[in-house]
């Protein structure tokens, strides 16, 4: 495969994993009671924080996965 195709495949995998992990993380973090940390009536701040943390965790896991697959491909070749 040429470099452009490899880059597109990596990007596609990254985005798919990012979305899946971010959704799972968002649902998991949504089960936590944040009322002891935040003030009353601060739901949008809590949701924003949970969303950002979910995206960051999803991005990290997706990056690690894509780099791991690239490493395995380099070892096999």
N, C-alpha and C. Protein backbone atom coordinates (compact mmCIF):
# COMPACT_ATOMS: atom_id res chain seq x y z
N UNK A 1 0.84 -1.19 0.00
CA UNK A 1 0.00 0.00 0.00
C UNK A 1 0.88 1.25 0.00
N UNK A 2 0.39 2.27 -0.65
CA UNK A 2 1.15 3.51 -0.64
C UNK A 2 0.90 4.27 0.67
N UNK A 3 1.67 5.32 0.87
CA UNK A 3 1.64 6.04 2.15
C UNK A 3 0.30 6.73 2.40
N UNK A 4 -0.32 7.23 1.35
CA UNK A 4 -1.61 7.91 1.51
C UNK A 4 -2.68 6.94 1.99
N UNK A 5 -2.71 5.76 1.42
CA UNK A 5 -3.69 4.76 1.82
C UNK A 5 -3.48 4.34 3.27
N UNK A 6 -2.24 4.15 3.65
CA UNK A 6 -1.92 3.78 5.03
C UNK A 6 -2.37 4.88 5.99
N UNK A 7 -2.12 6.12 5.62
CA UNK A 7 -2.52 7.24 6.48
C UNK A 7 -4.04 7.32 6.61
N UNK A 8 -4.75 7.08 5.53
CA UNK A 8 -6.21 7.13 5.57
C UNK A 8 -6.76 5.99 6.43
N UNK A 9 -6.18 4.81 6.31
CA UNK A 9 -6.62 3.67 7.12
C UNK A 9 -6.35 3.93 8.60
N UNK A 10 -5.18 4.48 8.90
CA UNK A 10 -4.86 4.81 10.30
C UNK A 10 -5.83 5.84 10.85
N UNK A 11 -6.13 6.85 10.06
CA UNK A 11 -7.06 7.88 10.49
C UNK A 11 -8.45 7.31 10.72
N UNK A 12 -8.88 6.43 9.84
CA UNK A 12 -10.20 5.81 9.99
C UNK A 12 -10.26 4.99 11.27
N UNK A 13 -9.24 4.18 11.50
CA UNK A 13 -9.20 3.38 12.73
C UNK A 13 -9.17 4.28 13.96
N UNK A 14 -8.38 5.33 13.89
CA UNK A 14 -8.28 6.26 15.02
C UNK A 14 -9.64 6.85 15.35
N UNK A 15 -10.36 7.31 14.33
CA UNK A 15 -11.65 7.94 14.56
C UNK A 15 -12.69 6.95 15.09
N UNK A 16 -12.68 5.74 14.55
CA UNK A 16 -13.64 4.73 15.01
C UNK A 16 -13.39 4.38 16.47
N UNK A 17 -12.14 4.14 16.81
CA UNK A 17 -11.80 3.79 18.19
C UNK A 17 -12.07 4.97 19.11
N UNK A 18 -11.75 6.17 18.67
CA UNK A 18 -12.01 7.37 19.47
C UNK A 18 -13.48 7.49 19.82
N UNK A 19 -14.34 7.34 18.84
CA UNK A 19 -15.77 7.49 19.08
C UNK A 19 -16.29 6.40 20.01
N UNK A 20 -15.89 5.17 19.77
CA UNK A 20 -16.37 4.06 20.60
C UNK A 20 -15.92 4.21 22.05
N UNK A 21 -14.64 4.48 22.24
CA UNK A 21 -14.11 4.60 23.60
C UNK A 21 -14.66 5.85 24.29
N UNK A 22 -14.83 6.93 23.55
CA UNK A 22 -15.38 8.14 24.15
C UNK A 22 -16.82 7.91 24.62
N UNK A 23 -17.60 7.19 23.84
CA UNK A 23 -18.98 6.90 24.25
C UNK A 23 -19.00 6.03 25.49
N UNK A 24 -18.17 5.00 25.51
CA UNK A 24 -18.12 4.11 26.67
C UNK A 24 -17.65 4.87 27.91
N UNK A 25 -16.62 5.70 27.75
CA UNK A 25 -16.11 6.47 28.87
C UNK A 25 -17.13 7.49 29.36
N UNK A 26 -17.83 8.12 28.43
CA UNK A 26 -18.86 9.09 28.81
C UNK A 26 -19.96 8.43 29.63
N UNK A 27 -20.37 7.26 29.19
CA UNK A 27 -21.41 6.53 29.93
C UNK A 27 -20.90 6.11 31.32
N UNK A 28 -19.65 5.68 31.38
CA UNK A 28 -19.10 5.26 32.66
C UNK A 28 -18.93 6.44 33.61
N UNK A 29 -18.43 7.56 33.10
CA UNK A 29 -18.26 8.73 33.95
C UNK A 29 -19.59 9.37 34.32
N UNK A 30 -20.61 9.13 33.53
CA UNK A 30 -21.93 9.65 33.85
C UNK A 30 -22.54 9.00 35.07
N UNK A 31 -22.04 7.84 35.44
CA UNK A 31 -22.58 7.14 36.60
C UNK A 31 -21.99 7.64 37.92
N UNK A 32 -20.97 8.49 37.83
CA UNK A 32 -20.32 9.00 39.04
C UNK A 32 -21.11 10.19 39.58
N UNK A 33 -21.19 10.28 40.90
CA UNK A 33 -21.90 11.40 41.55
C UNK A 33 -20.91 12.55 41.77
N UNK A 34 -21.09 13.60 41.02
CA UNK A 34 -20.19 14.75 41.10
C UNK A 34 -20.73 15.86 42.00
N UNK A 35 -21.84 15.63 42.66
CA UNK A 35 -22.46 16.68 43.46
C UNK A 35 -21.60 17.07 44.66
N UNK A 36 -20.72 16.20 45.09
CA UNK A 36 -19.86 16.52 46.23
C UNK A 36 -18.66 17.38 45.81
N UNK A 37 -18.34 17.37 44.52
CA UNK A 37 -17.20 18.12 44.03
C UNK A 37 -17.62 19.50 43.51
N UNK A 38 -18.75 19.55 42.80
CA UNK A 38 -19.21 20.79 42.19
C UNK A 38 -20.32 21.43 43.02
N UNK A 39 -20.53 22.70 42.77
CA UNK A 39 -21.62 23.41 43.43
C UNK A 39 -22.95 22.94 42.86
N UNK A 40 -24.01 23.28 43.57
CA UNK A 40 -25.35 22.94 43.09
C UNK A 40 -25.65 23.72 41.80
N UNK A 41 -26.44 23.15 40.95
CA UNK A 41 -26.85 23.74 39.67
C UNK A 41 -25.68 24.00 38.73
N UNK A 42 -24.72 23.14 38.74
CA UNK A 42 -23.60 23.28 37.81
C UNK A 42 -23.55 22.09 36.85
N UNK A 43 -24.70 21.75 36.32
CA UNK A 43 -24.77 20.56 35.47
C UNK A 43 -24.01 20.73 34.16
N UNK A 44 -24.02 21.92 33.57
CA UNK A 44 -23.33 22.07 32.30
C UNK A 44 -21.82 21.98 32.48
N UNK A 45 -21.31 22.42 33.63
CA UNK A 45 -19.88 22.28 33.89
C UNK A 45 -19.51 20.81 34.06
N UNK A 46 -20.36 20.09 34.75
CA UNK A 46 -20.10 18.66 34.95
C UNK A 46 -20.14 17.93 33.61
N UNK A 47 -21.14 18.21 32.81
CA UNK A 47 -21.24 17.55 31.50
C UNK A 47 -20.07 17.91 30.60
N UNK A 48 -19.65 19.16 30.65
CA UNK A 48 -18.50 19.57 29.84
C UNK A 48 -17.24 18.86 30.28
N UNK A 49 -17.02 18.78 31.57
CA UNK A 49 -15.85 18.08 32.09
C UNK A 49 -15.87 16.61 31.71
N UNK A 50 -17.01 15.97 31.86
CA UNK A 50 -17.12 14.55 31.52
C UNK A 50 -16.90 14.34 30.03
N UNK A 51 -17.44 15.23 29.21
CA UNK A 51 -17.25 15.12 27.76
C UNK A 51 -15.78 15.29 27.38
N UNK A 52 -15.12 16.28 27.94
CA UNK A 52 -13.71 16.50 27.63
C UNK A 52 -12.83 15.34 28.09
N UNK A 53 -13.08 14.85 29.28
CA UNK A 53 -12.31 13.70 29.77
C UNK A 53 -12.56 12.48 28.89
N UNK A 54 -13.78 12.29 28.46
CA UNK A 54 -14.10 11.15 27.60
C UNK A 54 -13.38 11.25 26.26
N UNK A 55 -13.35 12.44 25.68
CA UNK A 55 -12.66 12.62 24.40
C UNK A 55 -11.15 12.42 24.57
N UNK A 56 -10.60 12.92 25.65
CA UNK A 56 -9.16 12.76 25.88
C UNK A 56 -8.80 11.29 26.08
N UNK A 57 -9.57 10.59 26.88
CA UNK A 57 -9.30 9.17 27.11
C UNK A 57 -9.47 8.38 25.81
N UNK A 58 -10.51 8.69 25.07
CA UNK A 58 -10.72 8.02 23.78
C UNK A 58 -9.58 8.27 22.82
N UNK A 59 -9.11 9.51 22.76
CA UNK A 59 -7.99 9.83 21.89
C UNK A 59 -6.71 9.13 22.28
N UNK A 60 -6.45 9.06 23.57
CA UNK A 60 -5.24 8.37 24.04
C UNK A 60 -5.28 6.88 23.71
N UNK A 61 -6.41 6.26 23.98
CA UNK A 61 -6.52 4.83 23.71
C UNK A 61 -6.45 4.56 22.21
N UNK A 62 -7.10 5.40 21.41
CA UNK A 62 -7.04 5.23 19.96
C UNK A 62 -5.62 5.41 19.45
N UNK A 63 -4.91 6.40 19.96
CA UNK A 63 -3.53 6.63 19.54
C UNK A 63 -2.65 5.44 19.90
N UNK A 64 -2.80 4.95 21.12
CA UNK A 64 -2.01 3.80 21.55
C UNK A 64 -2.31 2.59 20.67
N UNK A 65 -3.58 2.36 20.37
CA UNK A 65 -3.95 1.22 19.54
C UNK A 65 -3.36 1.33 18.14
N UNK A 66 -3.49 2.49 17.52
CA UNK A 66 -2.98 2.68 16.15
C UNK A 66 -1.46 2.54 16.13
N UNK A 67 -0.78 3.09 17.10
CA UNK A 67 0.68 2.97 17.15
C UNK A 67 1.11 1.53 17.41
N UNK A 68 0.36 0.81 18.23
CA UNK A 68 0.66 -0.59 18.49
C UNK A 68 0.52 -1.42 17.23
N UNK A 69 -0.54 -1.18 16.47
CA UNK A 69 -0.73 -1.90 15.21
C UNK A 69 0.39 -1.56 14.23
N UNK A 70 0.80 -0.29 14.17
CA UNK A 70 1.91 0.10 13.29
C UNK A 70 3.20 -0.59 13.71
N UNK A 71 3.43 -0.67 15.00
CA UNK A 71 4.62 -1.36 15.50
C UNK A 71 4.60 -2.83 15.12
N UNK A 72 3.45 -3.46 15.26
CA UNK A 72 3.35 -4.87 14.87
C UNK A 72 3.58 -5.05 13.38
N UNK A 73 3.07 -4.13 12.57
CA UNK A 73 3.29 -4.23 11.12
C UNK A 73 4.76 -4.08 10.79
N UNK A 74 5.46 -3.19 11.48
CA UNK A 74 6.89 -3.01 11.23
C UNK A 74 7.69 -4.24 11.66
N UNK A 75 7.27 -4.89 12.72
CA UNK A 75 7.97 -6.08 13.19
C UNK A 75 7.75 -7.23 12.21
N UNK A 76 6.53 -7.37 11.71
CA UNK A 76 6.21 -8.47 10.81
C UNK A 76 6.92 -8.31 9.47
N UNK A 77 7.06 -7.10 8.99
CA UNK A 77 7.68 -6.88 7.66
C UNK A 77 9.15 -7.05 7.68
